[in-house]
Amino acid sequence: MQQRQTRDVRLDLFKGVALLIIFVNHVGGNPLAKVTPGRFGPSDSAEIFVFISGYAIALAYGPVLAERGFAACQRKALGRCRQLWAANIATMLASALVVALAVHVAGLPMEASNRLASFAPLFESPATAMAWHLVLMYLPFALDILALYILLVAAAPLFLWSYARFGMAAVAMSVALYLIAQAVPGLMPPNLWEGGWNFSPLAWQCVFFLGASLALAVRSGQVPLPRSPWLLAAALAVVIGMALWKGAASDLGRALTPDDLEVWLPTRTIPWADKDTLGPMRLLHFLALVCVAALLVPRDAAWLNSGPARMLTACGRHSLPVFCVGVVLAIAGTAVLLAGKSLPVVLAVNLGGVAILLVLATVLERRRTRRQPAAQVASPAPSPSGTAVAETH
């Protein structure tokens, strides 16, 4: 029987942190978005979300492929895709309701924010917009990452099968597709709003399947990340170096630099770091962050069992509802900040939204743990090799 790996709490925790940062960044005109980690390097929370989702997919679907075959694995993936597709529709409609209230009740101009304006096609031609949305070709603000996730989950069984059969050749194929996306950046699915997706599936599949590959390598007993001080030093050099580069090239960095030293500052920000095609420097920065996190945060760190850490872990464990509710809250927060952007309002939007997401995740986690004992009684005991990983990606 395929060995099942115990759940790594760090993955859920980092994913939970990423989801909260995504919420803050999605609120239009949010001053706090200027101090999120993505402002200090080319990569941001999107890579964390996609990478850890790929890791979780491999742990959840790898045993299904090994024990029941490719067809069962593909059926499981398509079932998950249906859930994601339904969540995408529900999130869009709930967000559209918030936009309608903001525009037609509160009297806010729709064109005042691209968050609100992205729903204009739905109000102008509802039937056409819904038809395009059902086939993932009309994606208002923030919903393209969920559409990307649907495609990646659907393709995951083929990658897992290829990895089981051909090993690293499957990873090489993923990298080759990434290079094609860099060479031909226009290969992007259409979007009724703004013309195309903000995430190239050909490029972003590389992050997803690198996460899946790491999970498979760890499960097989390989050591993909040696605990080397030299590796940590190199990764930190990349992270710190790019943070300094981006800061020095910013308007604030130039304003704080004496005139006689300004000639030494970079004239442009980090190149080859486009988000839509996941530029090479962006990918390098993210991989360096992965190394730093893996080497500095041990799996058995005591603080991972603290109350705040458990709340963040619950967010990552229940990532789909937290993300969807976060999108709706971000649209609502955008409308609130358009009406007035005083410090108390900004704090209320951000702290209130984060609190709602944490409470939601905590409630969902308590419901899951209450159901777990009954499920364990009804199901066979896990094998001595480990505990099965729940599919909460």
Protein backbone atom coordinates (compact mmCIF):
# COMPACT_ATOMS: atom_id res chain seq x y z
CA MET A 1 0.00 0.00 0.00
CA GLN A 2 1.19 3.52 -0.81
CA GLN A 3 2.76 5.19 2.21
CA ARG A 4 0.75 8.14 3.49
CA GLN A 5 2.53 11.09 5.00
CA THR A 6 1.51 12.92 8.16
CA ARG A 7 0.33 16.46 7.64
CA ASP A 8 3.00 19.15 7.90
CA VAL A 9 1.50 21.94 9.99
CA ARG A 10 3.89 24.48 8.45
CA LEU A 11 2.18 24.19 5.08
CA ASP A 12 -1.21 25.11 6.48
CA LEU A 13 0.27 27.92 8.57
CA PHE A 14 2.11 29.55 5.66
CA LYS A 15 -0.95 29.14 3.45
CA GLY A 16 -3.11 30.76 6.12
CA VAL A 17 -0.73 33.71 6.37
CA ALA A 18 -0.78 34.02 2.58
CA LEU A 19 -4.59 34.08 2.51
CA LEU A 20 -4.74 36.92 5.04
CA ILE A 21 -2.14 38.91 3.09
CA ILE A 22 -4.09 38.28 -0.12
CA PHE A 23 -7.17 39.76 1.55
CA VAL A 24 -5.25 42.90 2.59
CA ASN A 25 -3.79 43.29 -0.90
CA HIS A 26 -7.17 42.81 -2.57
CA VAL A 27 -8.78 45.74 -0.75
CA GLY A 28 -8.57 48.60 -3.25
CA GLY A 29 -6.85 51.76 -2.04
CA ASN A 30 -5.67 50.02 1.12
CA PRO A 31 -2.68 51.84 2.68
CA LEU A 32 -1.69 48.70 4.61
CA ALA A 33 -1.13 46.87 1.31
CA LYS A 34 2.00 49.00 0.90
CA VAL A 35 3.71 47.26 3.82
CA THR A 36 2.84 43.63 3.03
CA PRO A 37 5.77 41.28 2.27
CA GLY A 38 5.14 41.44 -1.49
CA ARG A 39 6.37 45.05 -1.45
CA PHE A 40 9.83 43.87 -0.41
CA GLY A 41 10.50 41.44 -3.23
CA PRO A 42 9.19 40.39 -6.64
CA SER A 43 7.14 37.39 -5.45
CA ASP A 44 4.12 37.58 -3.18
CA SER A 45 1.42 35.48 -1.52
CA ALA A 46 0.07 34.10 -4.80
CA GLU A 47 3.14 31.88 -5.20
CA ILE A 48 2.76 30.59 -1.65
CA PHE A 49 -0.89 29.72 -2.29
CA VAL A 50 -0.19 27.92 -5.59
CA PHE A 51 2.96 26.10 -4.39
CA ILE A 52 1.41 24.75 -1.19
CA SER A 53 -1.76 23.79 -3.08
CA GLY A 54 0.39 21.68 -5.41
CA TYR A 55 2.11 20.08 -2.41
CA ALA A 56 -1.27 19.24 -0.84
CA ILE A 57 -2.64 17.85 -4.10
CA ALA A 58 0.27 15.42 -4.37
CA LEU A 59 -0.26 14.17 -0.81
CA ALA A 60 -4.02 13.80 -1.28
CA TYR A 61 -4.05 12.28 -4.77
CA GLY A 62 -0.74 10.40 -4.92
CA PRO A 63 -2.01 7.50 -2.78
CA VAL A 64 -5.24 7.35 -4.82
CA LEU A 65 -3.19 7.00 -8.02
CA ALA A 66 -0.99 4.29 -6.49
CA GLU A 67 -3.81 2.28 -4.90
CA ARG A 68 -6.73 2.72 -7.31
CA GLY A 69 -5.20 3.84 -10.60
CA PHE A 70 -5.27 6.84 -12.89
CA ALA A 71 -9.02 6.79 -13.63
CA ALA A 72 -9.95 6.97 -9.93
CA CYS A 73 -7.40 9.74 -9.38
CA GLN A 74 -8.81 11.73 -12.31
CA ARG A 75 -12.38 11.27 -11.05
CA LYS A 76 -11.33 12.59 -7.65
CA ALA A 77 -9.66 15.60 -9.26
CA LEU A 78 -12.68 16.38 -11.43
CA GLY A 79 -14.92 16.14 -8.37
CA ARG A 80 -12.73 18.72 -6.68
CA CYS A 81 -12.86 20.88 -9.81
CA ARG A 82 -16.65 20.89 -9.64
CA GLN A 83 -16.46 22.15 -6.06
CA LEU A 84 -14.01 24.89 -7.07
CA TRP A 85 -16.15 25.82 -10.08
CA ALA A 86 -19.26 26.15 -7.90
CA ALA A 87 -17.29 28.20 -5.36
CA ASN A 88 -16.06 30.46 -8.17
CA ILE A 89 -19.63 31.14 -9.30
CA ALA A 90 -20.92 31.72 -5.76
CA THR A 91 -18.06 34.09 -4.95
CA MET A 92 -18.63 36.07 -8.12
CA LEU A 93 -22.37 36.45 -7.46
CA ALA A 94 -21.84 37.42 -3.81
CA SER A 95 -19.23 39.98 -4.84
CA ALA A 96 -21.55 41.32 -7.55
CA LEU A 97 -24.25 41.83 -4.90
CA VAL A 98 -21.80 43.88 -2.83
CA VAL A 99 -20.91 45.95 -5.90
CA ALA A 100 -24.60 46.52 -6.69
CA LEU A 101 -25.21 47.78 -3.14
CA ALA A 102 -22.16 50.03 -3.32
CA VAL A 103 -23.12 51.54 -6.68
CA HIS A 104 -26.92 51.66 -6.62
CA VAL A 105 -27.53 52.17 -2.88
CA ALA A 106 -24.44 53.96 -1.61
CA GLY A 107 -24.03 55.90 -4.87
CA LEU A 108 -20.34 55.10 -5.42
CA PRO A 109 -19.06 55.42 -9.00
CA MET A 110 -18.21 52.01 -10.42
CA GLU A 111 -15.26 53.40 -12.37
CA ALA A 112 -13.65 54.70 -9.16
CA SER A 113 -11.97 51.33 -8.58
CA ASN A 114 -10.95 48.52 -10.89
CA ARG A 115 -12.36 46.14 -8.29
CA LEU A 116 -15.84 47.51 -8.87
CA ALA A 117 -15.33 48.19 -12.58
CA SER A 118 -14.48 44.54 -13.21
CA PHE A 119 -18.16 43.73 -12.60
CA ALA A 120 -19.40 46.20 -15.25
CA PRO A 121 -19.81 43.49 -17.94
CA LEU A 122 -22.12 41.57 -15.61
CA PHE A 123 -24.41 44.57 -15.11
CA GLU A 124 -24.29 45.63 -18.76
CA SER A 125 -24.96 42.19 -20.27
CA PRO A 126 -25.82 39.66 -17.53
CA ALA A 127 -26.58 36.69 -19.80
CA THR A 128 -23.39 37.08 -21.84
CA ALA A 129 -21.21 37.67 -18.79
CA MET A 130 -22.61 34.65 -16.94
CA ALA A 131 -22.16 32.43 -19.99
CA TRP A 132 -18.52 33.49 -20.25
CA HIS A 133 -18.05 33.11 -16.51
CA LEU A 134 -19.29 29.53 -16.57
CA VAL A 135 -16.47 28.64 -18.98
CA LEU A 136 -13.91 30.71 -17.02
CA MET A 137 -13.60 33.40 -19.66
CA TYR A 138 -15.15 36.20 -17.62
CA LEU A 139 -13.30 36.56 -14.35
CA PRO A 140 -13.84 39.74 -12.32
CA PHE A 141 -11.15 41.00 -9.99
CA ALA A 142 -9.35 38.36 -7.87
CA LEU A 143 -11.20 35.36 -9.35
CA ASP A 144 -8.57 34.41 -11.92
CA ILE A 145 -6.40 32.62 -9.36
CA LEU A 146 -9.33 30.34 -8.52
CA ALA A 147 -9.83 29.62 -12.22
CA LEU A 148 -6.11 28.84 -12.49
CA TYR A 149 -6.46 26.45 -9.57
CA ILE A 150 -9.29 24.61 -11.34
CA LEU A 151 -7.10 23.99 -14.39
CA LEU A 152 -4.14 22.86 -12.29
CA VAL A 153 -6.22 20.43 -10.22
CA ALA A 154 -7.66 18.96 -13.42
CA ALA A 155 -4.14 18.45 -14.81
CA ALA A 156 -2.66 17.11 -11.54
CA PRO A 157 -3.43 13.40 -12.10
CA LEU A 158 -1.57 13.45 -15.44
CA PHE A 159 1.47 15.01 -13.79
CA LEU A 160 1.38 12.55 -10.88
CA TRP A 161 1.12 9.63 -13.32
CA SER A 162 4.00 11.03 -15.40
CA TYR A 163 6.14 11.51 -12.29
CA ALA A 164 5.45 7.96 -11.11
CA ARG A 165 6.35 6.59 -14.54
CA PHE A 166 9.14 8.90 -15.75
CA GLY A 167 10.43 10.62 -12.61
CA MET A 168 12.22 13.92 -13.12
CA ALA A 169 11.31 13.93 -16.82
CA ALA A 170 7.84 15.06 -15.72
CA VAL A 171 9.40 17.98 -13.87
CA ALA A 172 11.51 18.79 -16.92
CA MET A 173 8.35 18.92 -19.04
CA SER A 174 6.79 21.35 -16.56
CA VAL A 175 9.89 23.55 -16.76
CA ALA A 176 9.76 23.38 -20.57
CA LEU A 177 6.17 24.67 -20.53
CA TYR A 178 7.30 27.47 -18.23
CA LEU A 179 10.02 28.44 -20.69
CA ILE A 180 7.48 28.50 -23.51
CA ALA A 181 5.38 30.94 -21.46
CA GLN A 182 8.44 33.17 -21.08
CA ALA A 183 9.19 33.05 -24.79
CA VAL A 184 5.57 33.63 -25.85
CA PRO A 185 3.96 35.69 -23.07
CA GLY A 186 0.81 36.24 -25.12
CA LEU A 187 -0.33 32.63 -24.61
CA MET A 188 -3.02 33.59 -22.12
CA PRO A 189 -6.67 32.46 -21.79
CA PRO A 190 -9.15 35.24 -22.71
CA ASN A 191 -11.07 37.25 -20.16
CA LEU A 192 -14.10 39.40 -20.95
CA TRP A 193 -12.64 41.92 -18.51
CA GLU A 194 -9.15 43.26 -19.33
CA GLY A 195 -8.72 40.91 -22.27
CA GLY A 196 -6.84 38.04 -20.59
CA TRP A 197 -6.12 36.24 -17.35
CA ASN A 198 -3.66 37.76 -14.89
CA PHE A 199 -2.03 34.35 -14.45
CA SER A 200 -0.57 32.39 -17.35
CA PRO A 201 -1.42 28.71 -16.75
CA LEU A 202 1.66 27.66 -18.74
CA ALA A 203 3.88 29.65 -16.39
CA TRP A 204 2.15 29.16 -13.05
CA GLN A 205 1.81 25.40 -13.46
CA CYS A 206 5.55 25.29 -12.81
CA VAL A 207 5.13 26.55 -9.22
CA PHE A 208 2.20 24.20 -8.63
CA PHE A 209 4.00 21.11 -9.89
CA LEU A 210 7.28 22.03 -8.18
CA GLY A 211 5.27 21.91 -4.97
CA ALA A 212 3.81 18.55 -5.99
CA SER A 213 7.28 17.25 -6.88
CA LEU A 214 8.67 18.30 -3.51
CA ALA A 215 5.83 16.46 -1.75
CA LEU A 216 6.50 13.31 -3.77
CA ALA A 217 10.24 13.52 -3.11
CA VAL A 218 9.69 13.91 0.64
CA ARG A 219 7.21 11.03 0.69
CA SER A 220 9.62 8.74 -1.13
CA GLY A 221 12.31 9.33 1.50
CA GLN A 222 14.60 11.48 -0.63
CA VAL A 223 16.27 14.53 0.88
CA PRO A 224 15.45 17.33 -1.57
CA LEU A 225 16.55 20.17 0.75
CA PRO A 226 19.78 19.50 2.66
CA ARG A 227 20.16 21.47 5.88
CA SER A 228 23.23 23.33 4.75
CA PRO A 229 24.34 26.70 6.16
CA TRP A 230 25.65 27.55 2.71
CA LEU A 231 22.24 26.98 1.14
CA LEU A 232 20.60 29.12 3.82
CA ALA A 233 23.19 31.86 3.29
CA ALA A 234 22.63 31.81 -0.48
CA ALA A 235 18.84 31.90 -0.10
CA LEU A 236 19.03 34.77 2.39
CA ALA A 237 21.37 36.64 0.06
CA VAL A 238 18.80 36.39 -2.74
CA VAL A 239 15.91 37.49 -0.51
CA ILE A 240 17.76 40.37 1.15
CA GLY A 241 19.49 41.43 -2.05
CA MET A 242 16.24 41.68 -3.99
CA ALA A 243 14.57 43.54 -1.11
CA LEU A 244 17.38 46.10 -1.15
CA TRP A 245 17.25 46.32 -4.93
CA LYS A 246 13.51 46.91 -5.01
CA GLY A 247 13.69 49.41 -2.16
CA ALA A 248 16.55 51.34 -3.71
CA ALA A 249 14.75 51.61 -7.06
CA SER A 250 11.53 52.89 -5.46
CA ASP A 251 10.57 56.53 -5.18
CA LEU A 252 10.90 56.32 -1.40
CA GLY A 253 14.38 54.85 -1.68
CA ARG A 254 15.50 57.66 -3.97
CA ALA A 255 13.96 60.28 -1.70
CA LEU A 256 15.86 58.94 1.32
CA THR A 257 19.20 58.64 -0.50
CA PRO A 258 21.60 61.60 -0.47
CA ASP A 259 22.02 63.25 -3.88
CA ASP A 260 25.69 62.34 -4.18
CA LEU A 261 24.89 58.65 -3.69
CA GLU A 262 21.87 58.52 -5.98
CA VAL A 263 24.06 57.68 -8.96
CA TRP A 264 24.73 54.27 -7.36
CA LEU A 265 21.06 53.37 -7.15
CA PRO A 266 19.52 51.03 -9.77
CA THR A 267 17.67 52.92 -12.49
CA ARG A 268 14.88 50.36 -12.70
CA THR A 269 13.23 47.84 -10.44
CA ILE A 270 13.93 44.11 -10.63
CA PRO A 271 13.65 42.95 -14.28
CA TRP A 272 12.10 39.70 -15.54
CA ALA A 273 9.69 39.69 -12.62
CA ASP A 274 6.30 39.97 -14.33
CA LYS A 275 3.49 38.43 -12.30
CA ASP A 276 1.30 37.26 -15.19
CA THR A 277 4.06 35.10 -16.70
CA LEU A 278 5.92 34.46 -13.41
CA GLY A 279 9.19 36.01 -14.57
CA PRO A 280 12.45 34.16 -13.78
CA MET A 281 13.55 36.63 -11.11
CA ARG A 282 10.16 36.31 -9.45
CA LEU A 283 10.45 32.52 -9.47
CA LEU A 284 14.01 32.67 -8.13
CA HIS A 285 12.92 34.94 -5.28
CA PHE A 286 10.09 32.62 -4.33
CA LEU A 287 12.28 29.50 -4.37
CA ALA A 288 14.74 31.31 -2.12
CA LEU A 289 11.88 32.11 0.27
CA VAL A 290 10.92 28.42 0.28
CA CYS A 291 14.46 27.46 1.26
CA VAL A 292 14.60 30.09 4.01
CA ALA A 293 11.23 29.03 5.45
CA ALA A 294 12.06 25.31 5.32
CA LEU A 295 15.47 25.78 6.93
CA LEU A 296 14.54 28.32 9.60
CA VAL A 297 11.18 26.87 10.68
CA PRO A 298 11.60 23.23 11.80
CA ARG A 299 8.62 20.95 11.50
CA ASP A 300 8.54 20.35 15.25
CA ALA A 301 8.89 24.00 16.34
CA ALA A 302 7.08 24.47 19.65
CA TRP A 303 5.44 27.76 18.63
CA LEU A 304 3.49 25.98 15.90
CA ASN A 305 1.20 24.71 18.68
CA SER A 306 0.49 28.19 20.04
CA GLY A 307 -3.00 29.70 19.85
CA PRO A 308 -2.24 32.27 17.10
CA ALA A 309 -0.40 29.66 15.05
CA ARG A 310 -3.35 27.26 15.31
CA MET A 311 -5.71 29.97 14.05
CA LEU A 312 -3.47 30.65 11.05
CA THR A 313 -3.15 26.91 10.47
CA ALA A 314 -6.95 26.62 10.43
CA CYS A 315 -7.07 29.32 7.74
CA GLY A 316 -4.71 27.31 5.56
CA ARG A 317 -6.51 24.04 6.22
CA HIS A 318 -9.83 25.57 5.09
CA SER A 319 -8.32 27.65 2.32
CA LEU A 320 -11.22 27.54 -0.16
CA PRO A 321 -13.95 29.08 2.05
CA VAL A 322 -11.44 31.51 3.59
CA PHE A 323 -10.31 32.67 0.16
CA CYS A 324 -13.84 33.04 -1.22
CA VAL A 325 -15.12 34.96 1.80
CA GLY A 326 -11.94 37.05 1.69
CA VAL A 327 -12.68 38.10 -1.89
CA VAL A 328 -16.18 39.25 -0.96
CA LEU A 329 -14.84 41.09 2.10
CA ALA A 330 -12.15 42.75 -0.03
CA ILE A 331 -14.77 44.07 -2.46
CA ALA A 332 -16.82 45.36 0.48
CA GLY A 333 -13.69 46.90 2.03
CA THR A 334 -12.89 48.62 -1.25
CA ALA A 335 -16.36 50.22 -1.25
CA VAL A 336 -15.96 51.33 2.37
CA LEU A 337 -12.58 52.96 1.68
CA LEU A 338 -14.00 54.72 -1.38
CA ALA A 339 -16.60 56.31 0.86
CA GLY A 340 -13.96 57.52 3.33
CA LYS A 341 -10.35 56.64 4.12
CA SER A 342 -9.69 57.88 7.65
CA LEU A 343 -7.31 55.92 9.88
CA PRO A 344 -10.11 54.38 11.98
CA VAL A 345 -11.91 53.24 8.82
CA VAL A 346 -8.73 51.70 7.38
CA LEU A 347 -8.05 49.83 10.61
CA ALA A 348 -11.67 48.69 10.87
CA VAL A 349 -11.66 47.31 7.32
CA ASN A 350 -8.38 45.44 7.73
CA LEU A 351 -8.70 44.22 11.31
CA GLY A 352 -12.39 43.46 10.87
CA GLY A 353 -11.80 41.46 7.71
CA VAL A 354 -8.89 39.50 9.19
CA ALA A 355 -10.94 38.79 12.33
CA ILE A 356 -13.88 37.49 10.29
CA LEU A 357 -11.61 35.16 8.32
CA LEU A 358 -9.91 33.87 11.47
CA VAL A 359 -13.26 33.24 13.16
CA LEU A 360 -14.58 31.49 10.05
CA ALA A 361 -11.53 29.22 9.90
CA THR A 362 -11.73 28.47 13.63
CA VAL A 363 -15.41 27.52 13.40
CA LEU A 364 -14.78 25.28 10.38
CA GLU A 365 -11.84 23.62 12.14
CA ARG A 366 -13.90 22.90 15.26
CA ARG A 367 -16.64 21.36 13.11
CA ARG A 368 -14.02 19.20 11.39
CA THR A 369 -12.50 17.98 14.64
CA ARG A 370 -15.96 17.17 16.07
CA ARG A 371 -16.72 15.02 13.03
CA GLN A 372 -13.29 13.36 13.01
CA PRO A 373 -13.76 10.86 15.89
CA ALA A 374 -16.95 9.48 14.32
CA ALA A 375 -15.24 9.18 10.96
CA GLN A 376 -12.28 7.38 12.56
CA VAL A 377 -14.61 4.91 14.24
CA ALA A 378 -16.35 4.17 10.94
CA SER A 379 -13.13 3.85 8.93
CA PRO A 380 -10.18 1.45 9.27
CA ALA A 381 -7.27 2.52 11.40
CA PRO A 382 -4.43 4.19 9.51
CA SER A 383 -1.40 2.19 8.58
CA PRO A 384 1.62 2.32 10.90
CA SER A 385 3.54 4.32 8.28
CA GLY A 386 1.57 7.49 8.92
CA THR A 387 -1.72 9.31 9.11
CA ALA A 388 -3.73 9.97 6.00
CA VAL A 389 -3.70 13.53 4.76
CA ALA A 390 -7.14 15.11 4.59
CA GLU A 391 -8.14 16.78 1.34
CA THR A 392 -8.63 20.36 2.50
CA HIS A 393 -6.52 22.01 -0.16
